[in-house]
């Protein structure tokens, strides 16, 4: 089995060769804990959990280090803390917000079958020089200034993008083509529109740390440069995250890390999962289709969806492709898992990971091919191999949870059909007040009615 991964930087799928086979190292950008994680956040967590499992399989569990950070200093966190806990001092309010949301994140991703990373550093623990000597943000910024890659201006410390000849290579952007635009804040004190903040001042009512440049707080990008170096070194094997992070976040991470350490690269492979839509539309609160992981697990569209079903639904699409999240996809995932799990509870033998499953994953995490391989195992009656593969992939084989989901869905259908019949009778007797009341009740359940000459049909709101 030869593991091949697509590298965003080189724009090619190439054989994976770790810098040190005895110490395979991967870093993935984690959540900013100001609110519950949504299903877009779930995709990289699941994708890189599968890769983590595969690397452990190939190189050995003790030889793989997976770092996924938690960003617990951010302006969004500050705003949420001030809103939710106005009577508390800001630092206490921030701690309340971040502890609650981080705990919920851990519970949610565990329910999706994800292993905890080897290390999960918090940004606030790596701002100032540490007693253990691990890399910190202030020291990195000092190194960038000393090497001529950063400057102080307007009360900030900024990275000088013109000091790095190949800045923009990850995103495929030439520096002279990057002008002021909607996504680039242009300030008079910047040498170039793309120069970005490494350190900014904090007001009295904002969290801050004492630094050589006054009381302030770090920019977003420097956090990951510090935390990855702290646990993986100046260079490492794989850096992962969502496609939306390529620019500016990952581009700026590369710039900071390479220029601070004087290294030719930061990560040897850059991997990015594709965007997620909901029922063909961009997920947003304004469209009413914003879905958190916790909502899926506790009652989306009238159903508590098992973590296994959410996991499979996410893996049905190869990670680099855009994914369209649909109710139908979840229902199909439940049906598929019910078929796979049938009879597995009687299977006690332990088999190795089937070669066809491993080969599919080794081809840049080709999960659609992996799923086809699982279907093949089921058709051939290789329940031992199927059980081994599902366990390896993080599925729980919890048939009871799937059965309960089907029963809840069936119960909902019976209730909706009964209310529609009652509404039809009310309309026939011209009791329009009762008809409207029933329609409102159904709408509150998330049911959309479609009246026609042939009768009334219904679907759950998208």
Protein backbone atom coordinates (compact mmCIF):
# COMPACT_ATOMS: atom_id res chain seq x y z
CA UNK A 1 0.00 0.00 0.00
CA UNK A 2 1.41 3.38 -1.05
CA UNK A 3 -0.10 6.41 0.64
CA UNK A 4 -0.65 9.35 -1.72
CA UNK A 5 -1.91 12.77 -0.66
CA UNK A 6 -2.85 15.86 -2.64
CA UNK A 7 -0.65 18.81 -1.71
CA UNK A 8 -2.27 22.21 -2.20
CA UNK A 9 1.11 23.94 -2.41
CA UNK A 10 2.56 21.82 -5.23
CA UNK A 11 -0.90 21.21 -6.71
CA UNK A 12 -0.30 17.53 -7.23
CA UNK A 13 -1.08 14.20 -5.62
CA UNK A 14 2.20 12.68 -4.57
CA UNK A 15 3.49 9.81 -2.44
CA UNK A 16 3.59 10.65 1.24
CA UNK A 17 7.12 10.55 2.60
CA UNK A 18 7.39 11.66 6.24
CA UNK A 19 10.38 13.73 7.26
CA UNK A 20 10.95 11.15 10.01
CA UNK A 21 9.07 7.82 9.73
CA UNK A 22 9.50 7.37 13.48
CA UNK A 23 7.77 10.68 14.21
CA UNK A 24 4.98 11.53 11.75
CA UNK A 25 3.59 14.98 12.56
CA UNK A 26 0.28 16.63 11.60
CA UNK A 27 -1.28 19.97 12.56
CA UNK A 28 -4.90 20.94 11.88
CA UNK A 29 -6.54 24.27 12.63
CA UNK A 30 -9.15 23.79 15.34
CA UNK A 31 -12.20 25.77 16.45
CA UNK A 32 -12.49 29.35 17.63
CA UNK A 33 -14.59 28.70 20.71
CA UNK A 34 -17.07 31.57 20.71
CA UNK A 35 -20.11 29.47 19.73
CA UNK A 36 -21.17 25.86 19.19
CA UNK A 37 -19.41 24.21 16.23
CA UNK A 38 -21.46 23.92 13.04
CA UNK A 39 -21.44 21.12 10.46
CA UNK A 40 -18.92 23.03 8.35
CA UNK A 41 -16.54 22.75 11.32
CA UNK A 42 -17.35 19.04 11.57
CA UNK A 43 -16.01 18.26 8.11
CA UNK A 44 -12.28 18.86 8.76
CA UNK A 45 -12.55 17.22 12.18
CA UNK A 46 -13.92 14.02 10.59
CA UNK A 47 -11.66 14.13 7.51
CA UNK A 48 -8.44 14.52 9.46
CA UNK A 49 -9.57 12.01 12.06
CA UNK A 50 -9.71 9.45 9.25
CA UNK A 51 -6.24 10.51 8.09
CA UNK A 52 -4.97 10.29 11.68
CA UNK A 53 -6.32 6.75 11.94
CA UNK A 54 -4.70 5.81 8.63
CA UNK A 55 -1.32 7.24 9.62
CA UNK A 56 -1.46 5.33 12.91
CA UNK A 57 -2.26 2.17 10.95
CA UNK A 58 0.69 2.64 8.58
CA UNK A 59 3.36 3.95 10.96
CA UNK A 60 2.16 2.77 14.37
CA UNK A 61 0.03 4.59 16.98
CA UNK A 62 3.04 5.72 19.02
CA UNK A 63 4.77 7.28 16.02
CA UNK A 64 2.08 9.77 14.98
CA UNK A 65 1.56 13.15 16.65
CA UNK A 66 -1.64 15.01 15.82
CA UNK A 67 -1.97 18.59 17.07
CA UNK A 68 -5.28 20.43 16.80
CA UNK A 69 -5.45 23.82 18.47
CA UNK A 70 -8.18 25.75 20.23
CA UNK A 71 -8.35 29.48 19.56
CA UNK A 72 -9.53 31.06 22.79
CA UNK A 73 -8.47 34.66 22.15
CA UNK A 74 -10.40 36.44 19.42
CA UNK A 75 -12.53 39.54 18.96
CA UNK A 76 -15.62 37.37 18.38
CA UNK A 77 -15.04 35.73 21.74
CA UNK A 78 -14.73 39.14 23.38
CA UNK A 79 -18.03 40.28 21.85
CA UNK A 80 -19.85 37.09 22.88
CA UNK A 81 -18.48 37.33 26.42
CA UNK A 82 -19.62 40.95 26.79
CA UNK A 83 -23.06 40.04 25.44
CA UNK A 84 -23.67 36.90 27.49
CA UNK A 85 -22.03 37.93 30.78
CA UNK A 86 -22.29 41.73 31.01
CA UNK A 87 -22.03 41.74 34.81
CA UNK A 88 -18.72 39.87 34.94
CA UNK A 89 -15.20 41.24 34.45
CA UNK A 90 -14.23 40.59 30.81
CA UNK A 91 -11.57 37.98 31.56
CA UNK A 92 -14.02 35.99 33.69
CA UNK A 93 -16.70 36.32 31.02
CA UNK A 94 -14.30 35.13 28.32
CA UNK A 95 -13.36 32.11 30.42
CA UNK A 96 -17.06 31.23 30.83
CA UNK A 97 -17.65 31.41 27.07
CA UNK A 98 -14.56 29.48 26.02
CA UNK A 99 -14.87 26.74 28.64
CA UNK A 100 -18.51 26.10 27.78
CA UNK A 101 -18.04 26.06 24.01
CA UNK A 102 -14.82 24.02 24.15
CA UNK A 103 -16.51 21.40 26.33
CA UNK A 104 -19.46 21.22 23.94
CA UNK A 105 -17.09 20.88 20.98
CA UNK A 106 -15.35 17.94 22.63
CA UNK A 107 -18.65 16.22 23.40
CA UNK A 108 -19.96 16.79 19.88
CA UNK A 109 -16.92 15.50 17.98
CA UNK A 110 -16.63 12.51 20.32
CA UNK A 111 -20.22 11.64 19.37
CA UNK A 112 -19.10 11.76 15.72
CA UNK A 113 -16.57 9.00 16.45
CA UNK A 114 -13.47 11.19 16.37
CA UNK A 115 -10.37 10.35 18.37
CA UNK A 116 -8.92 13.13 20.52
CA UNK A 117 -5.75 14.62 19.05
CA UNK A 118 -2.40 13.85 20.65
CA UNK A 119 -2.15 17.44 21.87
CA UNK A 120 -4.76 20.23 21.95
CA UNK A 121 -3.04 23.51 22.86
CA UNK A 122 -4.95 26.68 23.68
CA UNK A 123 -3.78 29.92 22.11
CA UNK A 124 -3.79 31.87 25.38
CA UNK A 125 -1.17 29.49 26.80
CA UNK A 126 1.35 30.38 24.07
CA UNK A 127 1.25 34.18 23.95
CA UNK A 128 4.17 34.89 26.30
CA UNK A 129 7.52 33.08 26.81
CA UNK A 130 6.95 29.82 28.66
CA UNK A 131 8.81 28.18 31.51
CA UNK A 132 9.22 24.99 29.44
CA UNK A 133 10.84 26.89 26.57
CA UNK A 134 8.25 25.87 23.97
CA UNK A 135 7.72 28.30 21.10
CA UNK A 136 5.57 31.34 21.94
CA UNK A 137 4.06 34.18 19.93
CA UNK A 138 5.98 37.10 21.42
CA UNK A 139 9.32 35.42 20.77
CA UNK A 140 8.34 34.55 17.19
CA UNK A 141 7.42 38.19 16.55
CA UNK A 142 10.73 39.34 18.01
CA UNK A 143 12.54 36.95 15.65
CA UNK A 144 10.62 38.31 12.67
CA UNK A 145 11.56 41.89 13.58
CA UNK A 146 15.21 40.92 14.09
CA UNK A 147 15.33 39.19 10.68
CA UNK A 148 13.81 42.20 8.91
CA UNK A 149 10.42 40.62 8.18
CA UNK A 150 8.26 42.71 10.55
CA UNK A 151 7.96 46.34 11.63
CA UNK A 152 6.17 48.52 14.16
CA UNK A 153 3.71 51.08 12.87
CA UNK A 154 0.50 52.70 14.07
CA UNK A 155 0.71 50.94 17.43
CA UNK A 156 0.89 47.53 15.76
CA UNK A 157 3.52 45.05 14.69
CA UNK A 158 3.00 44.04 11.06
CA UNK A 159 4.50 41.38 8.83
CA UNK A 160 6.25 42.84 5.79
CA UNK A 161 5.00 40.70 2.89
CA UNK A 162 7.42 42.34 0.47
CA UNK A 163 10.30 40.85 2.48
CA UNK A 164 9.30 37.35 1.33
CA UNK A 165 9.84 36.84 -2.43
CA UNK A 166 7.38 33.95 -2.84
CA UNK A 167 4.62 35.23 -0.55
CA UNK A 168 1.28 34.13 -2.01
CA UNK A 169 2.48 30.83 -3.50
CA UNK A 170 0.02 28.64 -1.57
CA UNK A 171 -2.97 30.60 -2.83
CA UNK A 172 -1.41 31.18 -6.24
CA UNK A 173 -1.39 34.96 -5.87
CA UNK A 174 1.41 37.24 -7.02
CA UNK A 175 2.18 40.00 -4.53
CA UNK A 176 2.04 42.75 -7.14
CA UNK A 177 -1.46 41.57 -8.08
CA UNK A 178 -2.78 41.82 -4.54
CA UNK A 179 -4.26 45.25 -4.19
CA UNK A 180 -6.68 46.82 -1.79
CA UNK A 181 -10.00 45.05 -1.93
CA UNK A 182 -13.01 43.92 0.02
CA UNK A 183 -11.05 41.33 2.02
CA UNK A 184 -7.91 43.39 2.69
CA UNK A 185 -8.01 46.20 5.21
CA UNK A 186 -5.75 49.00 4.02
CA UNK A 187 -4.30 51.33 6.64
CA UNK A 188 -2.05 54.29 6.06
CA UNK A 189 0.68 52.82 8.26
CA UNK A 190 1.02 49.66 6.14
CA UNK A 191 3.92 49.39 3.71
CA UNK A 192 1.80 47.16 1.45
CA UNK A 193 -1.95 46.39 1.43
CA UNK A 194 -1.30 42.72 2.23
CA UNK A 195 0.87 43.35 5.30
CA UNK A 196 -0.90 41.72 8.22
CA UNK A 197 -1.04 42.16 11.98
CA UNK A 198 1.21 40.17 14.28
CA UNK A 199 0.46 42.19 17.43
CA UNK A 200 -2.18 44.81 18.14
CA UNK A 201 -2.89 47.10 21.06
CA UNK A 202 -5.61 46.29 23.59
CA UNK A 203 -7.82 48.85 25.22
CA UNK A 204 -8.57 48.75 28.95
CA UNK A 205 -11.72 46.69 28.36
CA UNK A 206 -10.03 44.15 26.05
CA UNK A 207 -7.89 41.16 27.03
CA UNK A 208 -4.19 41.89 26.77
CA UNK A 209 -0.67 40.83 27.66
CA UNK A 210 2.38 42.93 28.46
CA UNK A 211 4.83 42.85 25.57
CA UNK A 212 7.83 44.78 24.20
CA UNK A 213 5.29 46.74 22.11
CA UNK A 214 2.93 47.60 24.97
CA UNK A 215 -0.13 45.88 26.33
CA UNK A 216 -1.85 44.06 23.51
CA UNK A 217 -2.88 40.75 21.99
CA UNK A 218 -1.70 38.62 19.07
CA UNK A 219 -3.04 38.56 15.55
CA UNK A 220 -4.90 35.44 14.47
CA UNK A 221 -2.24 33.91 12.20
CA UNK A 222 0.71 33.98 14.61
CA UNK A 223 -1.16 31.68 17.00
CA UNK A 224 -0.91 28.59 14.80
CA UNK A 225 2.70 29.29 13.86
CA UNK A 226 3.60 29.24 17.56
CA UNK A 227 1.52 26.23 18.58
CA UNK A 228 2.60 24.05 15.65
CA UNK A 229 6.29 24.81 16.28
CA UNK A 230 5.83 24.21 20.02
CA UNK A 231 4.83 20.58 19.52
CA UNK A 232 5.93 19.62 16.00
CA UNK A 233 9.07 21.66 15.39
CA UNK A 234 10.02 24.29 12.83
CA UNK A 235 9.08 21.95 9.96
CA UNK A 236 6.64 19.04 9.98
CA UNK A 237 4.74 16.72 7.66
CA UNK A 238 1.10 17.72 7.21
CA UNK A 239 -0.91 20.88 7.81
CA UNK A 240 -4.66 20.60 7.32
CA UNK A 241 -7.80 22.69 7.43
CA UNK A 242 -10.71 23.95 5.38
CA UNK A 243 -10.39 25.43 1.90
CA UNK A 244 -11.44 28.80 3.29
CA UNK A 245 -8.22 28.95 5.34
CA UNK A 246 -5.81 28.88 2.39
CA UNK A 247 -5.83 32.67 2.18
CA UNK A 248 -5.07 34.55 4.25
CA UNK A 249 -4.62 32.26 7.26
CA UNK A 250 -2.42 29.46 5.94
CA UNK A 251 -0.57 31.75 3.56
CA UNK A 252 0.34 33.95 6.49
CA UNK A 253 1.28 31.01 8.68
CA UNK A 254 3.80 29.93 6.06
CA UNK A 255 5.22 33.45 5.84
CA UNK A 256 5.63 33.84 9.59
CA UNK A 257 7.05 30.39 10.25
CA UNK A 258 9.51 30.27 7.37
CA UNK A 259 10.77 33.80 7.95
CA UNK A 260 11.06 33.44 11.72
CA UNK A 261 12.91 30.13 11.56
CA UNK A 262 14.77 30.61 8.27
CA UNK A 263 13.40 27.33 6.87
CA UNK A 264 12.54 26.51 3.22
CA UNK A 265 9.06 25.27 4.13
CA UNK A 266 6.70 25.02 7.09
CA UNK A 267 4.71 21.86 6.30
CA UNK A 268 5.67 19.33 3.64
CA UNK A 269 2.04 18.67 2.63
CA UNK A 270 -0.87 21.12 2.76
CA UNK A 271 -4.31 19.48 2.75
CA UNK A 272 -7.65 21.28 2.49
CA UNK A 273 -11.20 19.98 2.57
CA UNK A 274 -13.84 21.50 0.28
CA UNK A 275 -16.72 23.81 1.11
CA UNK A 276 -20.05 22.67 2.53
CA UNK A 277 -23.54 23.73 1.40
CA UNK A 278 -26.91 22.87 2.89
CA UNK A 279 -29.53 21.69 0.39
CA UNK A 280 -27.64 23.42 -2.40
CA UNK A 281 -27.25 26.78 -0.66
CA UNK A 282 -24.49 28.42 1.34
CA UNK A 283 -25.08 27.83 5.03
CA UNK A 284 -25.96 31.04 6.86
CA UNK A 285 -28.13 32.17 9.72
CA UNK A 286 -29.92 34.65 7.45
CA UNK A 287 -31.14 31.78 5.24
CA UNK A 288 -32.26 29.77 8.26
CA UNK A 289 -30.11 26.79 7.28
CA UNK A 290 -27.33 27.20 9.84
CA UNK A 291 -26.89 23.84 11.58
CA UNK A 292 -24.69 23.05 14.58
CA UNK A 293 -23.34 19.58 15.27
CA UNK A 294 -25.27 19.56 18.53
CA UNK A 295 -28.54 20.33 16.71
CA UNK A 296 -28.00 17.34 14.45
CA UNK A 297 -27.38 15.09 17.41
CA UNK A 298 -30.29 16.37 19.49
CA UNK A 299 -33.13 17.05 17.09
CA UNK A 300 -32.58 18.46 13.58
CA UNK A 301 -35.64 18.07 11.33
CA UNK A 302 -37.45 16.35 14.19
CA UNK A 303 -34.84 13.59 14.55
CA UNK A 304 -31.90 12.91 16.86
CA UNK A 305 -29.37 11.80 14.25
CA UNK A 306 -26.77 9.27 15.46
CA UNK A 307 -23.16 10.40 15.25
CA UNK A 308 -22.43 7.41 13.00
CA UNK A 309 -24.95 8.67 10.44
CA UNK A 310 -23.48 12.19 10.49
CA UNK A 311 -19.99 10.72 10.09
CA UNK A 312 -20.94 8.52 7.12
CA UNK A 313 -22.89 11.34 5.47
CA UNK A 314 -19.76 13.50 5.64
CA UNK A 315 -17.54 10.76 4.20
CA UNK A 316 -19.77 9.98 1.22
CA UNK A 317 -18.05 12.83 -0.63
CA UNK A 318 -14.27 12.82 -1.20
CA UNK A 319 -12.77 15.42 1.12
CA UNK A 320 -11.43 17.81 -1.52
CA UNK A 321 -14.80 18.08 -3.29
CA UNK A 322 -17.62 20.42 -2.25
CA UNK A 323 -20.28 18.65 -0.23
CA UNK A 324 -24.03 19.24 -0.35
CA UNK A 325 -25.52 18.46 3.07
CA UNK A 326 -29.08 17.18 2.71
CA UNK A 327 -31.77 15.51 4.76
CA UNK A 328 -31.95 12.81 2.11
CA UNK A 329 -28.24 12.16 2.50
CA UNK A 330 -28.65 11.63 6.23
CA UNK A 331 -31.58 9.30 5.71
CA UNK A 332 -29.61 7.29 3.16
CA UNK A 333 -26.68 7.10 5.58
CA UNK A 334 -28.95 5.69 8.29
CA UNK A 335 -30.24 3.07 5.85
CA UNK A 336 -26.72 2.13 4.74
CA UNK A 337 -25.49 1.74 8.30
CA UNK A 338 -28.55 -0.32 9.25
CA UNK A 339 -27.67 -2.69 6.41
CA UNK A 340 -24.00 -2.89 7.38
CA UNK A 341 -24.72 -3.39 11.09
CA UNK A 342 -27.23 -6.17 10.52
CA UNK A 343 -25.66 -9.31 11.96
CA UNK A 344 -22.42 -7.67 13.13
CA UNK A 345 -23.33 -8.02 16.81
CA UNK A 346 -23.02 -11.80 16.37
CA UNK A 347 -19.59 -11.47 14.76
CA UNK A 348 -16.87 -11.82 17.41
CA UNK A 349 -13.77 -12.61 15.34
CA UNK A 350 -11.10 -9.97 14.86
CA UNK A 351 -9.82 -9.46 11.32
CA UNK A 352 -7.15 -7.20 9.87
CA UNK A 353 -8.19 -4.06 8.02
CA UNK A 354 -9.33 -5.33 4.59
CA UNK A 355 -6.86 -4.42 1.85
CA UNK A 356 -9.50 -2.86 -0.40
CA UNK A 357 -10.51 -0.42 2.35
CA UNK A 358 -6.91 0.49 3.15
CA UNK A 359 -6.07 0.94 -0.55
CA UNK A 360 -9.02 3.30 -1.05
CA UNK A 361 -7.98 5.47 1.87
CA UNK A 362 -4.34 5.41 0.72
CA UNK A 363 -5.46 7.07 -2.52
CA UNK A 364 -5.79 10.57 -1.04
CA UNK A 365 -8.61 9.46 1.30
CA UNK A 366 -10.89 8.23 -1.46
CA UNK A 367 -13.86 7.68 0.85
CA UNK A 368 -16.44 7.01 -1.93
CA UNK A 369 -14.22 4.11 -3.07
CA UNK A 370 -13.88 3.09 0.59
CA UNK A 371 -17.67 2.97 0.95
CA UNK A 372 -17.92 0.85 -2.21
CA UNK A 373 -15.41 -1.53 -0.63
CA UNK A 374 -17.54 -1.77 2.52
CA UNK A 375 -20.59 -2.61 0.40
CA UNK A 376 -18.52 -5.31 -1.29
CA UNK A 377 -17.58 -6.85 2.06
CA UNK A 378 -21.25 -6.95 3.03
CA UNK A 379 -22.32 -8.53 -0.28
CA UNK A 380 -19.67 -11.24 0.04
CA UNK A 381 -20.71 -11.96 3.60
CA UNK A 382 -17.31 -11.00 5.01
CA UNK A 383 -18.79 -9.73 8.27
CA UNK A 384 -15.50 -10.10 10.12
CA UNK A 385 -13.73 -7.82 7.64
CA UNK A 386 -16.65 -5.40 7.62
CA UNK A 387 -16.71 -5.18 11.40
CA UNK A 388 -12.96 -4.61 11.50
CA UNK A 389 -13.17 -1.87 8.86
CA UNK A 390 -16.04 -0.06 10.54
CA UNK A 391 -14.27 -0.12 13.89
CA UNK A 392 -11.10 1.21 12.27
CA UNK A 393 -13.09 4.02 10.63
CA UNK A 394 -14.61 5.17 13.91
CA UNK A 395 -18.12 3.76 13.60
CA UNK A 396 -19.71 2.51 16.80
CA UNK A 397 -21.88 -0.34 15.47
CA UNK A 398 -24.68 1.10 17.63
CA UNK A 399 -27.64 -0.50 15.90
CA UNK A 400 -29.97 0.57 18.72
CA UNK A 401 -29.36 4.26 18.01
CA UNK A 402 -30.08 3.74 14.31
CA UNK A 403 -33.27 1.82 15.09
CA UNK A 404 -34.43 4.62 17.38
CA UNK A 405 -33.78 7.14 14.60
CA UNK A 406 -35.89 5.17 12.15
CA UNK A 407 -38.65 4.80 14.74
CA UNK A 408 -38.64 8.54 15.50
CA UNK A 409 -38.81 9.32 11.77
CA UNK A 410 -41.71 6.88 11.36
CA UNK A 411 -43.51 8.38 14.37
CA UNK A 412 -43.09 11.88 12.91
CA UNK A 413 -44.50 10.75 9.57
CA UNK A 414 -47.55 9.21 11.26
CA UNK A 415 -48.17 12.41 13.24
CA UNK A 416 -47.79 14.67 10.20
CA UNK A 417 -50.05 12.51 8.05
CA UNK A 418 -52.70 12.59 10.80
CA UNK A 419 -52.57 16.39 11.06
CA UNK A 420 -52.79 16.75 7.27
CA UNK A 421 -55.87 14.52 7.22
CA UNK A 422 -57.45 16.64 9.98
CA UNK A 423 -56.62 19.83 8.05
CA UNK A 424 -58.20 18.36 4.91
CA UNK A 425 -61.40 17.59 6.80
CA UNK A 426 -61.44 21.10 8.28
CA UNK A 427 -61.10 22.65 4.82
CA UNK A 428 -63.84 20.44 3.41
CA UNK A 429 -66.18 21.61 6.19
CA UNK A 430 -65.03 25.22 5.55
CA UNK A 431 -63.59 25.48 9.08
CA UNK A 432 -60.74 27.64 7.85
CA UNK A 433 -59.72 28.79 11.31
CA UNK A 434 -59.00 25.19 12.30
CA UNK A 435 -57.30 24.57 8.96
CA UNK A 436 -54.99 27.54 9.53
CA UNK A 437 -54.28 26.44 13.08
CA UNK A 438 -53.17 23.01 11.90
CA UNK A 439 -51.01 24.53 9.17
CA UNK A 440 -49.32 26.70 11.82
CA UNK A 441 -48.78 23.67 14.04
CA UNK A 442 -47.15 21.81 11.17
CA UNK A 443 -45.02 24.83 10.30
CA UNK A 444 -43.80 24.95 13.89
CA UNK A 445 -42.70 21.32 13.46
CA UNK A 446 -40.70 22.33 10.40
CA UNK A 447 -43.17 20.82 7.93
CA UNK A 448 -43.80 22.53 4.59
CA UNK A 449 -47.14 21.73 2.91
CA UNK A 450 -47.72 21.65 -0.85
CA UNK A 451 -51.38 21.77 -1.89
CA UNK A 452 -52.43 20.69 -5.38
CA UNK A 453 -55.46 19.32 -7.20
CA UNK A 454 -54.21 15.83 -6.43
CA UNK A 455 -54.06 16.52 -2.67
CA UNK A 456 -51.51 17.68 -0.11
CA UNK A 457 -47.91 16.55 0.11
CA UNK A 458 -45.31 17.59 2.63
CA UNK A 459 -41.58 17.80 3.29
CA UNK A 460 -39.37 19.04 6.09
CA UNK A 461 -38.15 22.62 5.74
CA UNK A 462 -34.68 22.82 4.24
